[in-house]
Amino acid sequence: MASITIRNLEDDIKQRLRVRAAEHGRSMEEEARDILRRVMGECAPPRNLAAAIRARVASSDRVDLDLPAREPMREPPHFGRAR
């Protein structure tokens, strides 16, 4: 199992964690683990970006546009040395 150290925790947060842990009859460390487990369990798994874009576009009204005909490409300019 991994462990972490949380530095620069505000005194107010630490006090509220201590009170909350006491209300639940456990240590501050166990209370913090429980909070992390619940919060991380609520997170939705990463979404498939392509599926998200497809779903967003599929729900919109589509418009067919008339595209102009393509013209032939022009000759590229010649940047040779002038004599």
Protein backbone atom coordinates (compact mmCIF):
# COMPACT_ATOMS: atom_id res chain seq x y z
CA MET A 1 0.00 0.00 0.00
CA ALA A 2 1.12 3.53 -0.74
CA SER A 3 1.27 6.41 1.69
CA ILE A 4 1.17 10.18 1.23
CA THR A 5 2.05 13.20 3.33
CA ILE A 6 -0.09 16.31 3.05
CA ARG A 7 1.85 19.47 3.79
CA ASN A 8 0.55 23.03 4.24
CA LEU A 9 -2.92 21.87 5.28
CA GLU A 10 -4.92 24.76 6.69
CA ASP A 11 -5.60 24.59 10.43
CA ASP A 12 -9.34 24.89 9.81
CA ILE A 13 -9.35 21.87 7.49
CA LYS A 14 -7.34 19.81 9.97
CA GLN A 15 -9.71 20.76 12.82
CA ARG A 16 -12.78 19.88 10.73
CA LEU A 17 -11.21 16.54 9.80
CA ARG A 18 -10.47 15.84 13.47
CA VAL A 19 -14.09 16.59 14.45
CA ARG A 20 -15.48 14.55 11.58
CA ALA A 21 -13.24 11.60 12.47
CA ALA A 22 -14.37 11.79 16.10
CA GLU A 23 -18.01 11.84 15.03
CA HIS A 24 -17.43 8.64 13.05
CA GLY A 25 -15.34 7.04 15.82
CA ARG A 26 -12.13 6.69 13.85
CA SER A 27 -8.71 8.27 13.43
CA MET A 28 -8.08 11.30 11.25
CA GLU A 29 -6.02 9.09 8.95
CA GLU A 30 -8.86 6.58 8.51
CA GLU A 31 -11.34 9.42 7.98
CA ALA A 32 -9.12 10.90 5.25
CA ARG A 33 -8.85 7.46 3.59
CA ASP A 34 -12.63 7.09 3.67
CA ILE A 35 -13.12 10.55 2.14
CA LEU A 36 -10.62 9.79 -0.62
CA ARG A 37 -12.20 6.39 -1.35
CA ARG A 38 -15.67 7.91 -1.66
CA VAL A 39 -14.60 10.89 -3.76
CA MET A 40 -12.43 8.83 -6.10
CA GLY A 41 -15.17 6.22 -6.45
CA GLU A 42 -17.61 8.90 -7.65
CA CYS A 43 -15.35 9.96 -10.50
CA ALA A 44 -16.53 8.86 -13.88
CA PRO A 45 -14.01 6.90 -15.93
CA PRO A 46 -12.24 8.86 -18.66
CA ARG A 47 -14.47 9.39 -21.66
CA ASN A 48 -13.62 8.34 -25.15
CA LEU A 49 -12.90 11.68 -26.86
CA ALA A 50 -13.99 10.50 -30.30
CA ALA A 51 -17.29 9.16 -28.94
CA ALA A 52 -17.90 12.39 -27.01
CA ILE A 53 -17.36 14.50 -30.14
CA ARG A 54 -19.52 12.19 -32.23
CA ALA A 55 -22.34 12.36 -29.65
CA ARG A 56 -22.14 16.13 -29.52
CA VAL A 57 -22.22 16.53 -33.29
CA ALA A 58 -24.90 13.89 -33.85
CA SER A 59 -27.39 15.73 -31.67
CA SER A 60 -27.12 18.97 -33.63
CA ASP A 61 -29.15 19.88 -36.71
CA ARG A 62 -27.09 19.25 -39.79
CA VAL A 63 -26.88 21.58 -42.75
CA ASP A 64 -25.73 20.50 -46.18
CA LEU A 65 -23.59 23.16 -47.79
CA ASP A 66 -22.99 23.59 -51.49
CA LEU A 67 -19.25 23.63 -51.96
CA PRO A 68 -17.84 25.57 -54.90
CA ALA A 69 -16.02 23.61 -57.59
CA ARG A 70 -12.27 23.44 -57.12
CA GLU A 71 -10.13 25.35 -59.54
CA PRO A 72 -6.90 23.96 -60.92
CA MET A 73 -3.80 24.86 -58.94
CA ARG A 74 -1.77 27.80 -60.13
CA GLU A 75 1.83 27.41 -61.14
CA PRO A 76 4.10 28.18 -58.21
CA PRO A 77 6.22 31.33 -58.51
CA HIS A 78 9.82 30.92 -59.61
CA PHE A 79 12.34 32.56 -57.30
CA GLY A 80 15.44 32.21 -59.39
CA ARG A 81 18.38 34.59 -59.48
CA ALA A 82 17.93 37.62 -61.64
CA ARG A 83 20.72 38.05 -64.22
